[in-house]
């Protein structure tokens, strides 16, 4: 009896660890490859994985079926995870630009209560990163994959005052002077 309770507790803990990560499918697309015997049909899934606490990743998976493509996308997203520095108001520390393919994304911090003002794949990336107050604009491309990668590129370029002070070997107070 005690062994069964311990097993249940272990199962609950593993479920809690798994449920910490959220996955959202941005796009599923049917793709074909021309081969000697004709055309090979497969699916490409763009997936954003995040924990809403400052970690987010974008992954791409291809497989013969949709479920397999999504699973591969989740695994790829977890491999390419980045850390996002968030302020007390769940915004970003400073204005930043990001690039990915032909896409450009501009992100600005916003006052508390503003919400996530962004569209498409950029909105998904920001929500799963845990950002709650931000202004973002996609420029250049409508491609969801390039826009998601541009958003991740922008978020990875963010630095806090503590990071800058550490790079310059000086206390944070001297940055204000």
N, C-alpha and C. Protein backbone atom coordinates (compact mmCIF):
# COMPACT_ATOMS: atom_id res chain seq x y z
N UNK A 1 0.82 -1.20 0.00
CA UNK A 1 0.00 0.00 0.00
C UNK A 1 0.86 1.26 0.00
N UNK A 2 1.89 1.27 0.84
CA UNK A 2 2.77 2.44 0.92
C UNK A 2 3.54 2.63 -0.38
N UNK A 3 3.89 1.51 -1.02
CA UNK A 3 4.63 1.60 -2.29
C UNK A 3 3.78 2.27 -3.37
N UNK A 4 2.49 1.94 -3.40
CA UNK A 4 1.60 2.55 -4.39
C UNK A 4 1.49 4.06 -4.18
N UNK A 5 1.41 4.47 -2.93
CA UNK A 5 1.33 5.91 -2.63
C UNK A 5 2.61 6.62 -3.06
N UNK A 6 3.77 5.98 -2.83
CA UNK A 6 5.04 6.58 -3.25
C UNK A 6 5.10 6.70 -4.76
N UNK A 7 4.62 5.66 -5.47
CA UNK A 7 4.61 5.71 -6.94
C UNK A 7 3.72 6.85 -7.44
N UNK A 8 2.55 6.99 -6.81
CA UNK A 8 1.64 8.08 -7.20
C UNK A 8 2.29 9.44 -7.00
N UNK A 9 2.98 9.61 -5.84
CA UNK A 9 3.66 10.88 -5.57
C UNK A 9 4.72 11.16 -6.63
N UNK A 10 5.49 10.11 -7.00
CA UNK A 10 6.53 10.28 -8.04
C UNK A 10 5.89 10.68 -9.36
N UNK A 11 4.78 10.01 -9.72
CA UNK A 11 4.08 10.32 -10.96
C UNK A 11 3.58 11.76 -10.94
N UNK A 12 3.04 12.21 -9.81
CA UNK A 12 2.55 13.58 -9.71
C UNK A 12 3.69 14.57 -9.86
N UNK A 13 4.85 14.26 -9.26
CA UNK A 13 6.00 15.16 -9.40
C UNK A 13 6.47 15.26 -10.84
N UNK A 14 6.54 14.11 -11.52
CA UNK A 14 6.99 14.16 -12.92
C UNK A 14 5.98 14.91 -13.78
N UNK A 15 4.69 14.77 -13.48
CA UNK A 15 3.67 15.52 -14.23
C UNK A 15 3.82 17.02 -13.99
N UNK A 16 4.14 17.41 -12.73
CA UNK A 16 4.33 18.82 -12.42
C UNK A 16 5.52 19.38 -13.19
N UNK A 17 6.60 18.60 -13.26
CA UNK A 17 7.79 19.05 -14.00
C UNK A 17 7.48 19.20 -15.49
N UNK A 18 6.73 18.24 -16.03
CA UNK A 18 6.36 18.30 -17.44
C UNK A 18 5.41 19.47 -17.71
N UNK A 19 4.47 19.72 -16.79
CA UNK A 19 3.48 20.75 -17.03
C UNK A 19 4.07 22.16 -16.85
N UNK A 20 5.29 22.24 -16.32
CA UNK A 20 5.95 23.54 -16.18
C UNK A 20 6.16 24.18 -17.55
N UNK A 21 6.44 23.36 -18.55
CA UNK A 21 6.68 23.86 -19.91
C UNK A 21 5.38 23.88 -20.69
N UNK A 22 5.14 25.01 -21.35
CA UNK A 22 3.97 25.12 -22.21
C UNK A 22 4.44 25.09 -23.66
N UNK A 23 3.62 24.48 -24.50
CA UNK A 23 3.95 24.38 -25.92
C UNK A 23 2.81 24.96 -26.73
N UNK A 24 3.16 25.78 -27.71
CA UNK A 24 2.13 26.31 -28.62
C UNK A 24 2.61 26.12 -30.04
N UNK A 25 1.74 25.55 -30.85
CA UNK A 25 2.05 25.35 -32.26
C UNK A 25 1.71 26.64 -33.01
N UNK A 26 2.71 27.21 -33.67
CA UNK A 26 2.52 28.46 -34.42
C UNK A 26 1.98 28.15 -35.81
N UNK A 27 2.54 27.11 -36.43
CA UNK A 27 2.11 26.79 -37.80
C UNK A 27 2.36 25.31 -38.09
N UNK A 28 1.44 24.71 -38.83
CA UNK A 28 1.66 23.37 -39.37
C UNK A 28 1.48 23.48 -40.87
N UNK A 29 2.47 23.02 -41.60
CA UNK A 29 2.43 23.18 -43.05
C UNK A 29 2.74 21.85 -43.73
N UNK A 30 2.01 21.58 -44.79
CA UNK A 30 2.27 20.37 -45.58
C UNK A 30 3.37 20.69 -46.56
N UNK A 31 4.44 19.91 -46.54
CA UNK A 31 5.54 20.15 -47.47
C UNK A 31 5.81 18.88 -48.28
N UNK A 32 6.31 19.07 -49.48
CA UNK A 32 6.60 17.92 -50.34
C UNK A 32 8.03 17.98 -50.84
N UNK A 33 8.59 16.81 -51.06
CA UNK A 33 9.94 16.70 -51.61
C UNK A 33 9.82 15.82 -52.86
N UNK A 34 10.35 16.29 -53.97
CA UNK A 34 10.27 15.52 -55.20
C UNK A 34 11.42 14.53 -55.22
N UNK A 35 11.06 13.25 -55.30
CA UNK A 35 12.05 12.17 -55.34
C UNK A 35 11.84 11.35 -56.60
N UNK A 36 12.72 10.36 -56.79
CA UNK A 36 12.70 9.55 -58.00
C UNK A 36 11.32 8.91 -58.27
N UNK A 37 10.67 8.43 -57.21
CA UNK A 37 9.39 7.75 -57.38
C UNK A 37 8.18 8.68 -57.39
N UNK A 38 8.38 9.99 -57.24
CA UNK A 38 7.25 10.92 -57.21
C UNK A 38 7.47 11.99 -56.15
N UNK A 39 6.43 12.22 -55.35
CA UNK A 39 6.53 13.26 -54.32
C UNK A 39 6.39 12.63 -52.93
N UNK A 40 7.25 13.05 -52.02
CA UNK A 40 7.16 12.63 -50.62
C UNK A 40 6.44 13.70 -49.84
N UNK A 41 5.33 13.36 -49.22
CA UNK A 41 4.56 14.33 -48.45
C UNK A 41 4.93 14.23 -46.98
N UNK A 42 5.21 15.38 -46.34
CA UNK A 42 5.47 15.40 -44.91
C UNK A 42 4.91 16.69 -44.32
N UNK A 43 5.02 16.83 -43.00
CA UNK A 43 4.49 18.00 -42.30
C UNK A 43 5.60 18.72 -41.56
N UNK A 44 5.55 20.04 -41.59
CA UNK A 44 6.50 20.86 -40.84
C UNK A 44 5.73 21.62 -39.76
N UNK A 45 6.18 21.50 -38.52
CA UNK A 45 5.52 22.18 -37.40
C UNK A 45 6.49 23.17 -36.78
N UNK A 46 6.01 24.41 -36.57
CA UNK A 46 6.78 25.43 -35.85
C UNK A 46 6.16 25.51 -34.46
N UNK A 47 6.99 25.25 -33.44
CA UNK A 47 6.49 25.17 -32.06
C UNK A 47 7.29 26.11 -31.17
N UNK A 48 6.58 26.82 -30.30
CA UNK A 48 7.23 27.68 -29.30
C UNK A 48 7.04 27.01 -27.94
N UNK A 49 8.16 26.86 -27.20
CA UNK A 49 8.14 26.22 -25.89
C UNK A 49 8.62 27.24 -24.86
N UNK A 50 7.90 27.38 -23.74
CA UNK A 50 8.31 28.33 -22.72
C UNK A 50 7.72 27.98 -21.37
N UNK A 51 8.27 28.60 -20.30
CA UNK A 51 7.76 28.32 -18.96
C UNK A 51 7.11 29.54 -18.32
N UNK A 52 6.97 30.63 -19.06
CA UNK A 52 6.38 31.89 -18.58
C UNK A 52 7.13 32.45 -17.39
N UNK A 53 8.39 32.07 -17.22
CA UNK A 53 9.23 32.59 -16.14
C UNK A 53 10.56 33.08 -16.67
N UNK A 54 10.64 33.36 -17.97
CA UNK A 54 11.86 33.90 -18.52
C UNK A 54 12.63 32.95 -19.40
N UNK A 55 12.08 31.79 -19.73
CA UNK A 55 12.75 30.86 -20.63
C UNK A 55 11.83 30.56 -21.80
N UNK A 56 12.40 30.62 -23.00
CA UNK A 56 11.60 30.38 -24.21
C UNK A 56 12.51 29.85 -25.32
N UNK A 57 11.92 29.04 -26.22
CA UNK A 57 12.66 28.51 -27.35
C UNK A 57 11.73 28.25 -28.52
N UNK A 58 12.27 28.35 -29.74
CA UNK A 58 11.49 28.09 -30.95
C UNK A 58 12.08 26.86 -31.62
N UNK A 59 11.21 25.92 -31.98
CA UNK A 59 11.68 24.70 -32.61
C UNK A 59 10.90 24.38 -33.86
N UNK A 60 11.56 23.64 -34.76
CA UNK A 60 10.93 23.21 -36.01
C UNK A 60 11.08 21.70 -36.10
N UNK A 61 9.99 21.03 -36.45
CA UNK A 61 10.05 19.57 -36.61
C UNK A 61 9.37 19.16 -37.89
N UNK A 62 9.95 18.15 -38.56
CA UNK A 62 9.35 17.62 -39.79
C UNK A 62 9.18 16.12 -39.63
N UNK A 63 8.01 15.63 -40.02
CA UNK A 63 7.75 14.19 -39.95
C UNK A 63 6.63 13.83 -40.92
N UNK A 64 6.40 12.53 -41.08
CA UNK A 64 5.36 12.05 -41.99
C UNK A 64 3.97 12.35 -41.45
N UNK A 65 3.85 12.48 -40.10
CA UNK A 65 2.55 12.80 -39.52
C UNK A 65 2.67 14.05 -38.64
N UNK A 66 1.54 14.68 -38.37
CA UNK A 66 1.51 15.94 -37.63
C UNK A 66 2.01 15.76 -36.19
N UNK A 67 1.59 14.70 -35.53
CA UNK A 67 1.97 14.48 -34.13
C UNK A 67 3.47 14.31 -34.01
N UNK A 68 4.06 13.56 -34.91
CA UNK A 68 5.51 13.37 -34.90
C UNK A 68 6.25 14.68 -35.15
N UNK A 69 5.73 15.50 -36.06
CA UNK A 69 6.36 16.78 -36.36
C UNK A 69 6.30 17.71 -35.14
N UNK A 70 5.16 17.71 -34.42
CA UNK A 70 5.02 18.56 -33.23
C UNK A 70 5.98 18.09 -32.14
N UNK A 71 6.10 16.77 -31.93
CA UNK A 71 7.01 16.23 -30.92
C UNK A 71 8.45 16.63 -31.23
N UNK A 72 8.84 16.53 -32.49
CA UNK A 72 10.20 16.92 -32.89
C UNK A 72 10.41 18.41 -32.70
N UNK A 73 9.37 19.20 -33.00
CA UNK A 73 9.45 20.65 -32.81
C UNK A 73 9.63 21.02 -31.35
N UNK A 74 8.92 20.32 -30.45
CA UNK A 74 9.05 20.57 -29.01
C UNK A 74 10.47 20.24 -28.55
N UNK A 75 10.99 19.11 -28.99
CA UNK A 75 12.36 18.70 -28.62
C UNK A 75 13.37 19.73 -29.12
N UNK A 76 13.18 20.22 -30.34
CA UNK A 76 14.09 21.22 -30.92
C UNK A 76 13.98 22.54 -30.16
N UNK A 77 12.77 22.90 -29.77
CA UNK A 77 12.55 24.14 -29.01
C UNK A 77 13.24 24.09 -27.65
N UNK A 78 13.19 22.93 -26.99
CA UNK A 78 13.84 22.78 -25.70
C UNK A 78 15.36 22.82 -25.83
N UNK A 79 15.87 22.37 -26.97
CA UNK A 79 17.32 22.44 -27.21
C UNK A 79 17.80 23.87 -27.40
N UNK A 80 16.97 24.70 -28.03
CA UNK A 80 17.35 26.08 -28.36
C UNK A 80 16.70 27.08 -27.40
N UNK A 81 16.72 26.77 -26.12
CA UNK A 81 16.11 27.60 -25.09
C UNK A 81 17.01 28.79 -24.76
N UNK A 82 16.39 29.97 -24.54
CA UNK A 82 17.16 31.15 -24.11
C UNK A 82 16.58 31.68 -22.81
N UNK A 83 17.37 32.44 -22.10
CA UNK A 83 16.97 33.06 -20.83
C UNK A 83 16.64 34.52 -21.12
N UNK A 84 15.48 34.99 -20.66
CA UNK A 84 15.03 36.36 -20.90
C UNK A 84 15.02 37.13 -19.57
N UNK A 85 15.78 38.24 -19.47
CA UNK A 85 15.72 39.03 -18.24
C UNK A 85 14.44 39.86 -18.20
N UNK A 86 13.67 39.71 -17.13
CA UNK A 86 12.41 40.43 -16.98
C UNK A 86 12.52 41.45 -15.85
N UNK A 87 11.82 42.57 -15.99
CA UNK A 87 11.79 43.58 -14.93
C UNK A 87 10.72 43.21 -13.91
N UNK A 88 10.59 44.03 -12.86
CA UNK A 88 9.58 43.77 -11.83
C UNK A 88 8.17 43.82 -12.39
N UNK A 89 7.95 44.65 -13.41
CA UNK A 89 6.62 44.78 -14.02
C UNK A 89 6.43 43.80 -15.18
N UNK A 90 7.24 42.74 -15.23
CA UNK A 90 7.18 41.73 -16.29
C UNK A 90 7.27 42.34 -17.68
N UNK A 91 8.21 43.26 -17.85
CA UNK A 91 8.50 43.86 -19.14
C UNK A 91 9.97 43.57 -19.46
N UNK A 92 10.47 44.19 -20.52
CA UNK A 92 11.89 44.01 -20.85
C UNK A 92 12.67 45.23 -20.38
N UNK A 93 13.98 45.09 -20.13
CA UNK A 93 14.75 46.19 -19.56
C UNK A 93 14.93 47.40 -20.49
N UNK A 94 15.01 47.17 -21.80
CA UNK A 94 15.27 48.28 -22.72
C UNK A 94 14.76 47.96 -24.13
N UNK A 95 14.75 48.98 -25.00
CA UNK A 95 14.34 48.82 -26.39
C UNK A 95 15.34 47.92 -27.10
N UNK A 96 14.86 47.05 -27.98
CA UNK A 96 15.75 46.12 -28.67
C UNK A 96 15.19 45.77 -30.04
N UNK A 97 16.09 45.50 -30.99
CA UNK A 97 15.72 45.05 -32.33
C UNK A 97 16.22 43.63 -32.52
N UNK A 98 15.47 42.82 -33.27
CA UNK A 98 15.90 41.46 -33.57
C UNK A 98 15.73 41.16 -35.04
N UNK A 99 16.59 40.29 -35.56
CA UNK A 99 16.56 39.92 -36.97
C UNK A 99 16.54 38.41 -37.12
N UNK A 100 15.80 37.93 -38.09
CA UNK A 100 15.76 36.50 -38.40
C UNK A 100 15.34 36.33 -39.84
N UNK A 101 16.26 35.94 -40.71
CA UNK A 101 15.95 35.85 -42.13
C UNK A 101 15.62 37.24 -42.66
N UNK A 102 14.46 37.38 -43.31
CA UNK A 102 14.04 38.68 -43.83
C UNK A 102 13.17 39.45 -42.85
N UNK A 103 13.01 38.93 -41.66
CA UNK A 103 12.13 39.56 -40.68
C UNK A 103 12.91 40.43 -39.71
N UNK A 104 12.29 41.54 -39.30
CA UNK A 104 12.86 42.42 -38.28
C UNK A 104 11.77 42.66 -37.24
N UNK A 105 12.16 42.64 -35.97
CA UNK A 105 11.19 42.86 -34.88
C UNK A 105 11.74 43.96 -33.99
N UNK A 106 10.87 44.93 -33.66
CA UNK A 106 11.23 46.00 -32.73
C UNK A 106 10.41 45.78 -31.46
N UNK A 107 11.09 45.81 -30.31
CA UNK A 107 10.40 45.63 -29.03
C UNK A 107 10.72 46.78 -28.10
N UNK A 108 9.66 47.31 -27.45
CA UNK A 108 9.83 48.40 -26.49
C UNK A 108 9.19 48.01 -25.17
N UNK A 109 9.84 48.36 -24.04
CA UNK A 109 9.21 48.09 -22.75
C UNK A 109 7.96 48.96 -22.59
N UNK A 110 7.00 48.48 -21.83
CA UNK A 110 5.76 49.22 -21.63
C UNK A 110 5.42 49.30 -20.15
N UNK A 111 4.55 50.26 -19.81
CA UNK A 111 4.13 50.47 -18.43
C UNK A 111 3.24 49.31 -17.96
N UNK A 112 3.21 49.06 -16.65
CA UNK A 112 2.34 48.00 -16.14
C UNK A 112 0.88 48.21 -16.53
N UNK A 113 0.22 47.15 -16.95
CA UNK A 113 -1.17 47.23 -17.36
C UNK A 113 -1.35 47.36 -18.86
N UNK A 114 -0.26 47.52 -19.60
CA UNK A 114 -0.35 47.68 -21.05
C UNK A 114 -0.75 46.38 -21.73
N UNK A 115 -0.17 45.28 -21.30
CA UNK A 115 -0.41 43.99 -21.94
C UNK A 115 0.59 43.73 -23.05
N UNK A 116 0.40 42.63 -23.74
CA UNK A 116 1.28 42.26 -24.86
C UNK A 116 0.67 42.80 -26.14
N UNK A 117 1.27 43.85 -26.68
CA UNK A 117 0.80 44.41 -27.94
C UNK A 117 1.77 43.96 -29.01
N UNK A 118 1.43 42.85 -29.64
CA UNK A 118 2.26 42.23 -30.68
C UNK A 118 1.36 41.31 -31.49
N UNK A 119 1.84 40.89 -32.63
CA UNK A 119 1.02 40.05 -33.47
C UNK A 119 1.71 38.75 -33.86
N UNK A 120 0.91 37.77 -34.19
CA UNK A 120 1.41 36.53 -34.77
C UNK A 120 2.36 35.75 -33.89
N UNK A 121 3.44 35.28 -34.52
CA UNK A 121 4.41 34.43 -33.83
C UNK A 121 5.15 35.19 -32.74
N UNK A 122 5.34 36.49 -32.91
CA UNK A 122 6.05 37.31 -31.91
C UNK A 122 5.25 37.33 -30.61
N UNK A 123 3.94 37.45 -30.72
CA UNK A 123 3.07 37.45 -29.54
C UNK A 123 3.19 36.13 -28.77
N UNK A 124 3.18 35.03 -29.49
CA UNK A 124 3.30 33.71 -28.88
C UNK A 124 4.62 33.58 -28.13
N UNK A 125 5.72 34.00 -28.75
CA UNK A 125 7.04 33.92 -28.12
C UNK A 125 7.07 34.76 -26.85
N UNK A 126 6.54 35.98 -26.91
CA UNK A 126 6.55 36.87 -25.75
C UNK A 126 5.69 36.34 -24.60
N UNK A 127 4.52 35.81 -24.92
CA UNK A 127 3.64 35.28 -23.88
C UNK A 127 4.27 34.08 -23.17
N UNK A 128 4.90 33.19 -23.93
CA UNK A 128 5.50 32.01 -23.32
C UNK A 128 6.82 32.34 -22.62
N UNK A 129 7.39 33.50 -22.92
CA UNK A 129 8.59 33.94 -22.20
C UNK A 129 8.22 34.55 -20.86
N UNK A 130 6.96 34.92 -20.68
CA UNK A 130 6.51 35.49 -19.42
C UNK A 130 6.44 37.00 -19.44
N UNK A 131 6.62 37.60 -20.61
CA UNK A 131 6.52 39.06 -20.74
C UNK A 131 5.04 39.44 -20.74
N UNK A 132 4.67 40.42 -19.89
CA UNK A 132 3.26 40.81 -19.80
C UNK A 132 2.98 42.23 -20.26
N UNK A 133 4.01 43.08 -20.31
CA UNK A 133 3.84 44.48 -20.72
C UNK A 133 4.90 44.83 -21.76
N UNK A 134 4.50 44.90 -23.01
CA UNK A 134 5.48 45.15 -24.07
C UNK A 134 4.77 45.65 -25.33
N UNK A 135 5.49 46.44 -26.11
CA UNK A 135 5.04 46.87 -27.43
C UNK A 135 6.00 46.26 -28.44
N UNK A 136 5.48 45.56 -29.45
CA UNK A 136 6.34 44.94 -30.45
C UNK A 136 5.75 45.13 -31.83
N UNK A 137 6.64 45.25 -32.82
CA UNK A 137 6.20 45.43 -34.20
C UNK A 137 7.04 44.56 -35.12
N UNK A 138 6.37 43.80 -35.99
CA UNK A 138 7.04 43.00 -36.99
C UNK A 138 7.23 43.84 -38.24
N UNK A 139 8.42 43.78 -38.81
CA UNK A 139 8.69 44.51 -40.05
C UNK A 139 9.33 43.56 -41.06
N UNK A 140 9.04 43.78 -42.33
CA UNK A 140 9.74 43.05 -43.38
C UNK A 140 9.04 41.81 -43.87
N UNK A 141 8.86 40.82 -43.02
CA UNK A 141 8.39 39.52 -43.48
C UNK A 141 7.13 39.09 -42.75
N UNK A 142 6.30 38.29 -43.41
CA UNK A 142 5.11 37.71 -42.78
C UNK A 142 5.36 36.26 -42.37
N UNK A 143 6.53 35.73 -42.67
CA UNK A 143 6.87 34.34 -42.39
C UNK A 143 6.89 34.09 -40.88
N UNK A 144 6.03 33.21 -40.36
CA UNK A 144 5.97 32.98 -38.91
C UNK A 144 7.28 32.46 -38.32
N UNK A 145 7.99 31.61 -39.05
CA UNK A 145 9.25 31.06 -38.54
C UNK A 145 10.30 32.16 -38.39
N UNK A 146 10.45 32.98 -39.43
CA UNK A 146 11.44 34.07 -39.37
C UNK A 146 11.06 35.10 -38.31
N UNK A 147 9.78 35.39 -38.15
CA UNK A 147 9.35 36.34 -37.11
C UNK A 147 9.59 35.78 -35.71
N UNK A 148 9.32 34.50 -35.51
CA UNK A 148 9.58 33.88 -34.21
C UNK A 148 11.07 33.90 -33.90
N UNK A 149 11.89 33.58 -34.89
CA UNK A 149 13.34 33.58 -34.69
C UNK A 149 13.87 34.99 -34.45
N UNK A 150 13.27 35.98 -35.11
CA UNK A 150 13.66 37.37 -34.88
C UNK A 150 13.32 37.80 -33.46
N UNK A 151 12.15 37.36 -32.97
CA UNK A 151 11.75 37.67 -31.59
C UNK A 151 12.72 37.05 -30.59
N UNK A 152 13.11 35.81 -30.81
CA UNK A 152 14.08 35.14 -29.93
C UNK A 152 15.43 35.83 -30.00
N UNK A 153 15.82 36.26 -31.20
CA UNK A 153 17.08 37.00 -31.38
C UNK A 153 17.07 38.30 -30.58
N UNK A 154 15.95 39.01 -30.63
CA UNK A 154 15.82 40.26 -29.88
C UNK A 154 15.87 40.01 -28.37
N UNK A 155 15.15 39.00 -27.91
CA UNK A 155 15.11 38.70 -26.48
C UNK A 155 16.48 38.24 -25.97
N UNK A 156 17.24 37.55 -26.82
CA UNK A 156 18.57 37.09 -26.39
C UNK A 156 19.57 38.23 -26.32
N UNK A 157 19.27 39.37 -26.97
CA UNK A 157 20.17 40.52 -26.95
C UNK A 157 19.93 41.43 -25.75
N UNK A 158 18.92 41.13 -24.95
CA UNK A 158 18.61 41.96 -23.78
C UNK A 158 19.67 41.80 -22.69
N UNK A 159 19.98 42.94 -22.02
CA UNK A 159 20.94 42.91 -20.91
C UNK A 159 20.40 43.75 -19.77
N UNK A 160 20.66 43.32 -18.56
CA UNK A 160 20.25 44.08 -17.38
C UNK A 160 21.38 44.99 -16.95
N UNK A 161 21.08 45.93 -16.05
CA UNK A 161 22.10 46.81 -15.52
C UNK A 161 23.20 46.02 -14.82
N UNK A 162 22.81 44.98 -14.10
CA UNK A 162 23.79 44.15 -13.40
C UNK A 162 24.76 43.48 -14.38
N UNK A 163 24.25 43.02 -15.53
CA UNK A 163 25.11 42.40 -16.54
C UNK A 163 26.12 43.40 -17.09
N UNK A 164 25.66 44.61 -17.39
CA UNK A 164 26.53 45.65 -17.95
C UNK A 164 27.59 46.04 -16.92
N UNK A 165 27.19 46.20 -15.68
CA UNK A 165 28.12 46.57 -14.61
C UNK A 165 29.19 45.49 -14.44
N UNK A 166 28.78 44.24 -14.52
CA UNK A 166 29.73 43.13 -14.38
C UNK A 166 30.72 43.11 -15.54
N UNK A 167 30.25 43.37 -16.77
CA UNK A 167 31.14 43.40 -17.93
C UNK A 167 32.17 44.53 -17.83
N UNK A 168 31.75 45.64 -17.23
CA UNK A 168 32.64 46.80 -17.11
C UNK A 168 33.46 46.79 -15.81
N UNK A 169 33.28 45.77 -14.98
CA UNK A 169 33.98 45.66 -13.70
C UNK A 169 33.78 46.89 -12.82
N UNK A 170 32.54 47.27 -12.63
CA UNK A 170 32.22 48.41 -11.76
C UNK A 170 30.90 48.15 -11.04
N UNK A 171 30.68 48.80 -9.91
CA UNK A 171 29.39 48.60 -9.22
C UNK A 171 28.24 49.24 -10.01
N UNK A 172 27.04 48.70 -9.78
CA UNK A 172 25.84 49.18 -10.50
C UNK A 172 25.60 50.66 -10.24
N UNK A 173 25.91 51.15 -9.03
CA UNK A 173 25.67 52.54 -8.68
C UNK A 173 26.45 53.50 -9.59
N UNK A 174 27.62 53.08 -10.08
CA UNK A 174 28.44 53.95 -10.93
C UNK A 174 27.84 54.10 -12.34
N UNK A 175 26.96 53.22 -12.73
CA UNK A 175 26.33 53.35 -14.05
C UNK A 175 25.35 54.50 -14.09
N UNK A 176 24.76 54.84 -12.95
CA UNK A 176 23.79 55.95 -12.89
C UNK A 176 24.46 57.31 -12.94
N UNK A 177 25.73 57.40 -12.55
CA UNK A 177 26.41 58.69 -12.45
C UNK A 177 26.74 59.29 -13.79
